[in-house]
Amino acid sequence: TSSSATPTGPITVPSAGTCAWISCYTEATYTRAVNSLAIYDYNLMSPEIYAVGCAGYDLFGVEYGRECYCGNVLQSGSTLAPPSDCSMLCDGTSNEYCGAGNRLDVY
């Protein structure tokens, strides 16, 4: 018999709704990295919730464990960051990561 390992501890969600995780990004130089719509619901924050809230947009990013930004492009000046930089736990679930300070998990 074989067994598969079960992840322990918090994870970066590989996909939320129909959106796949792209990577961890910094904020843009003079604006939000993803800036068409902002959603805040601290008690429910999770990538799965905001995939629904950002339906109709091409991208969304979760940041600071409790903020979500929807948009269609990643703004100029936003750069790729190491995935380990996006290590803040989501307010709505303690087993998933939701970006960090000036870092977005982008889907």
C-alpha atoms as a PDB file:
ATOM      1  CA  THR A   1       0.000   0.000   0.000  1.00  0.00           C
ATOM      2  CA  SER A   2       1.034   3.574  -0.409  1.00  0.00           C
ATOM      3  CA  SER A   3      -0.042   6.678   1.353  1.00  0.00           C
ATOM      4  CA  SER A   4       0.095  10.261   0.266  1.00  0.00           C
ATOM      5  CA  ALA A   5       1.401  12.932   2.573  1.00  0.00           C
ATOM      6  CA  THR A   6      -1.115  15.332   4.015  1.00  0.00           C
ATOM      7  CA  PRO A   7       0.137  18.905   4.225  1.00  0.00           C
ATOM      8  CA  THR A   8       0.457  20.262   7.726  1.00  0.00           C
ATOM      9  CA  GLY A   9       0.414  23.883   8.686  1.00  0.00           C
ATOM     10  CA  PRO A  10      -0.674  26.828   6.557  1.00  0.00           C
ATOM     11  CA  ILE A  11      -0.572  26.629   2.754  1.00  0.00           C
ATOM     12  CA  THR A  12      -0.656  28.930  -0.233  1.00  0.00           C
ATOM     13  CA  VAL A  13      -3.909  27.973  -1.923  1.00  0.00           C
ATOM     14  CA  PRO A  14      -2.981  26.660  -5.407  1.00  0.00           C
ATOM     15  CA  SER A  15      -6.320  27.701  -6.889  1.00  0.00           C
ATOM     16  CA  ALA A  16      -9.417  29.582  -5.773  1.00  0.00           C
ATOM     17  CA  GLY A  17     -12.594  29.223  -7.799  1.00  0.00           C
ATOM     18  CA  THR A  18     -11.508  29.256 -11.430  1.00  0.00           C
ATOM     19  CA  CYS A  19      -8.319  31.227 -10.654  1.00  0.00           C
ATOM     20  CA  ALA A  20      -4.888  29.666 -10.269  1.00  0.00           C
ATOM     21  CA  TRP A  21      -2.272  31.155  -7.940  1.00  0.00           C
ATOM     22  CA  ILE A  22       0.300  33.036 -10.030  1.00  0.00           C
ATOM     23  CA  SER A  23       2.855  34.049  -7.403  1.00  0.00           C
ATOM     24  CA  CYS A  24       3.711  36.546  -4.706  1.00  0.00           C
ATOM     25  CA  TYR A  25       4.128  40.148  -5.928  1.00  0.00           C
ATOM     26  CA  THR A  26       5.095  43.485  -4.427  1.00  0.00           C
ATOM     27  CA  GLU A  27       2.833  46.497  -4.559  1.00  0.00           C
ATOM     28  CA  ALA A  28       3.391  48.753  -7.581  1.00  0.00           C
ATOM     29  CA  THR A  29       5.590  51.837  -7.321  1.00  0.00           C
ATOM     30  CA  TYR A  30       2.918  54.549  -7.072  1.00  0.00           C
ATOM     31  CA  THR A  31      -0.344  52.590  -6.981  1.00  0.00           C
ATOM     32  CA  ARG A  32      -1.832  49.263  -5.934  1.00  0.00           C
ATOM     33  CA  ALA A  33      -0.545  46.284  -7.908  1.00  0.00           C
ATOM     34  CA  VAL A  34      -4.152  45.292  -8.679  1.00  0.00           C
ATOM     35  CA  ASN A  35      -6.321  48.370  -8.469  1.00  0.00           C
ATOM     36  CA  SER A  36      -9.819  48.298  -9.980  1.00  0.00           C
ATOM     37  CA  LEU A  37     -11.791  47.238  -6.882  1.00  0.00           C
ATOM     38  CA  ALA A  38     -10.975  46.781  -3.190  1.00  0.00           C
ATOM     39  CA  ILE A  39     -12.922  44.452  -0.890  1.00  0.00           C
ATOM     40  CA  TYR A  40     -12.519  44.183   2.880  1.00  0.00           C
ATOM     41  CA  ASP A  41     -14.306  41.585   4.973  1.00  0.00           C
ATOM     42  CA  TYR A  42     -11.975  40.762   7.799  1.00  0.00           C
ATOM     43  CA  ASN A  43     -13.969  37.892   9.278  1.00  0.00           C
ATOM     44  CA  LEU A  44     -14.287  35.975   6.017  1.00  0.00           C
ATOM     45  CA  MET A  45     -10.943  36.669   4.357  1.00  0.00           C
ATOM     46  CA  SER A  46      -9.768  33.766   2.236  1.00  0.00           C
ATOM     47  CA  PRO A  47      -8.778  33.348  -1.415  1.00  0.00           C
ATOM     48  CA  GLU A  48     -11.851  31.186  -2.038  1.00  0.00           C
ATOM     49  CA  ILE A  49     -14.222  33.923  -0.833  1.00  0.00           C
ATOM     50  CA  TYR A  50     -12.575  36.615  -2.920  1.00  0.00           C
ATOM     51  CA  ALA A  51     -12.428  34.537  -6.082  1.00  0.00           C
ATOM     52  CA  VAL A  52     -16.217  34.914  -6.000  1.00  0.00           C
ATOM     53  CA  GLY A  53     -16.081  38.600  -5.035  1.00  0.00           C
ATOM     54  CA  CYS A  54     -13.723  39.370  -7.927  1.00  0.00           C
ATOM     55  CA  ALA A  55     -15.680  37.429 -10.556  1.00  0.00           C
ATOM     56  CA  GLY A  56     -15.550  39.340 -13.824  1.00  0.00           C
ATOM     57  CA  TYR A  57     -11.957  40.513 -13.285  1.00  0.00           C
ATOM     58  CA  ASP A  58      -8.886  38.789 -14.685  1.00  0.00           C
ATOM     59  CA  LEU A  59      -6.847  39.009 -11.457  1.00  0.00           C
ATOM     60  CA  PHE A  60      -7.201  39.365  -7.734  1.00  0.00           C
ATOM     61  CA  GLY A  61      -4.651  39.715  -5.005  1.00  0.00           C
ATOM     62  CA  VAL A  62      -4.926  39.128  -1.264  1.00  0.00           C
ATOM     63  CA  GLU A  63      -2.768  41.226   1.061  1.00  0.00           C
ATOM     64  CA  TYR A  64      -2.150  41.884   4.776  1.00  0.00           C
ATOM     65  CA  GLY A  65      -4.168  38.779   5.656  1.00  0.00           C
ATOM     66  CA  ARG A  66      -7.417  40.708   5.232  1.00  0.00           C
ATOM     67  CA  GLU A  67      -7.551  42.811   2.056  1.00  0.00           C
ATOM     68  CA  CYS A  68      -8.489  41.880  -1.491  1.00  0.00           C
ATOM     69  CA  TYR A  69      -7.930  43.814  -4.705  1.00  0.00           C
ATOM     70  CA  CYS A  70      -9.512  42.958  -8.061  1.00  0.00           C
ATOM     71  CA  GLY A  71      -8.357  44.108 -11.490  1.00  0.00           C
ATOM     72  CA  ASN A  72      -7.511  43.182 -15.048  1.00  0.00           C
ATOM     73  CA  VAL A  73      -3.787  43.973 -15.125  1.00  0.00           C
ATOM     74  CA  LEU A  74      -0.831  43.876 -12.791  1.00  0.00           C
ATOM     75  CA  GLN A  75       0.270  47.507 -12.545  1.00  0.00           C
ATOM     76  CA  SER A  76       3.679  48.717 -13.664  1.00  0.00           C
ATOM     77  CA  GLY A  77       6.234  48.648 -10.867  1.00  0.00           C
ATOM     78  CA  SER A  78       4.825  45.540  -9.209  1.00  0.00           C
ATOM     79  CA  THR A  79       7.564  42.914  -9.137  1.00  0.00           C
ATOM     80  CA  LEU A  80       7.800  39.231  -8.456  1.00  0.00           C
ATOM     81  CA  ALA A  81       8.639  38.460  -4.830  1.00  0.00           C
ATOM     82  CA  PRO A  82       9.740  35.191  -3.242  1.00  0.00           C
ATOM     83  CA  PRO A  83       6.703  33.067  -2.335  1.00  0.00           C
ATOM     84  CA  SER A  84       7.977  33.035   1.257  1.00  0.00           C
ATOM     85  CA  ASP A  85       7.314  36.807   1.415  1.00  0.00           C
ATOM     86  CA  CYS A  86       3.556  36.092   1.266  1.00  0.00           C
ATOM     87  CA  SER A  87       3.363  34.489   4.698  1.00  0.00           C
ATOM     88  CA  MET A  88       0.589  36.285   6.589  1.00  0.00           C
ATOM     89  CA  LEU A  89      -2.331  34.109   7.645  1.00  0.00           C
ATOM     90  CA  CYS A  90      -5.792  34.928   6.313  1.00  0.00           C
ATOM     91  CA  ASP A  91      -8.125  36.501   8.867  1.00  0.00           C
ATOM     92  CA  GLY A  92     -10.908  34.123   7.830  1.00  0.00           C
ATOM     93  CA  THR A  93      -8.899  30.908   8.057  1.00  0.00           C
ATOM     94  CA  SER A  94      -5.766  30.081   9.995  1.00  0.00           C
ATOM     95  CA  ASN A  95      -4.526  27.440   7.557  1.00  0.00           C
ATOM     96  CA  GLU A  96      -4.108  29.601   4.423  1.00  0.00           C
ATOM     97  CA  TYR A  97      -1.781  32.453   3.492  1.00  0.00           C
ATOM     98  CA  CYS A  98      -3.100  35.823   2.286  1.00  0.00           C
ATOM     99  CA  GLY A  99      -0.091  37.889   1.227  1.00  0.00           C
ATOM    100  CA  ALA A 100       1.709  40.092   3.770  1.00  0.00           C
ATOM    101  CA  GLY A 101       2.696  43.729   4.233  1.00  0.00           C
ATOM    102  CA  ASN A 102       3.053  45.192   0.722  1.00  0.00           C
ATOM    103  CA  ARG A 103       2.943  41.670  -0.682  1.00  0.00           C
ATOM    104  CA  LEU A 104       0.053  40.091  -2.570  1.00  0.00           C
ATOM    105  CA  ASP A 105      -0.733  36.500  -3.344  1.00  0.00           C
ATOM    106  CA  VAL A 106      -1.977  37.040  -6.903  1.00  0.00           C
ATOM    107  CA  TYR A 107      -4.508  34.735  -8.562  1.00  0.00           C
END
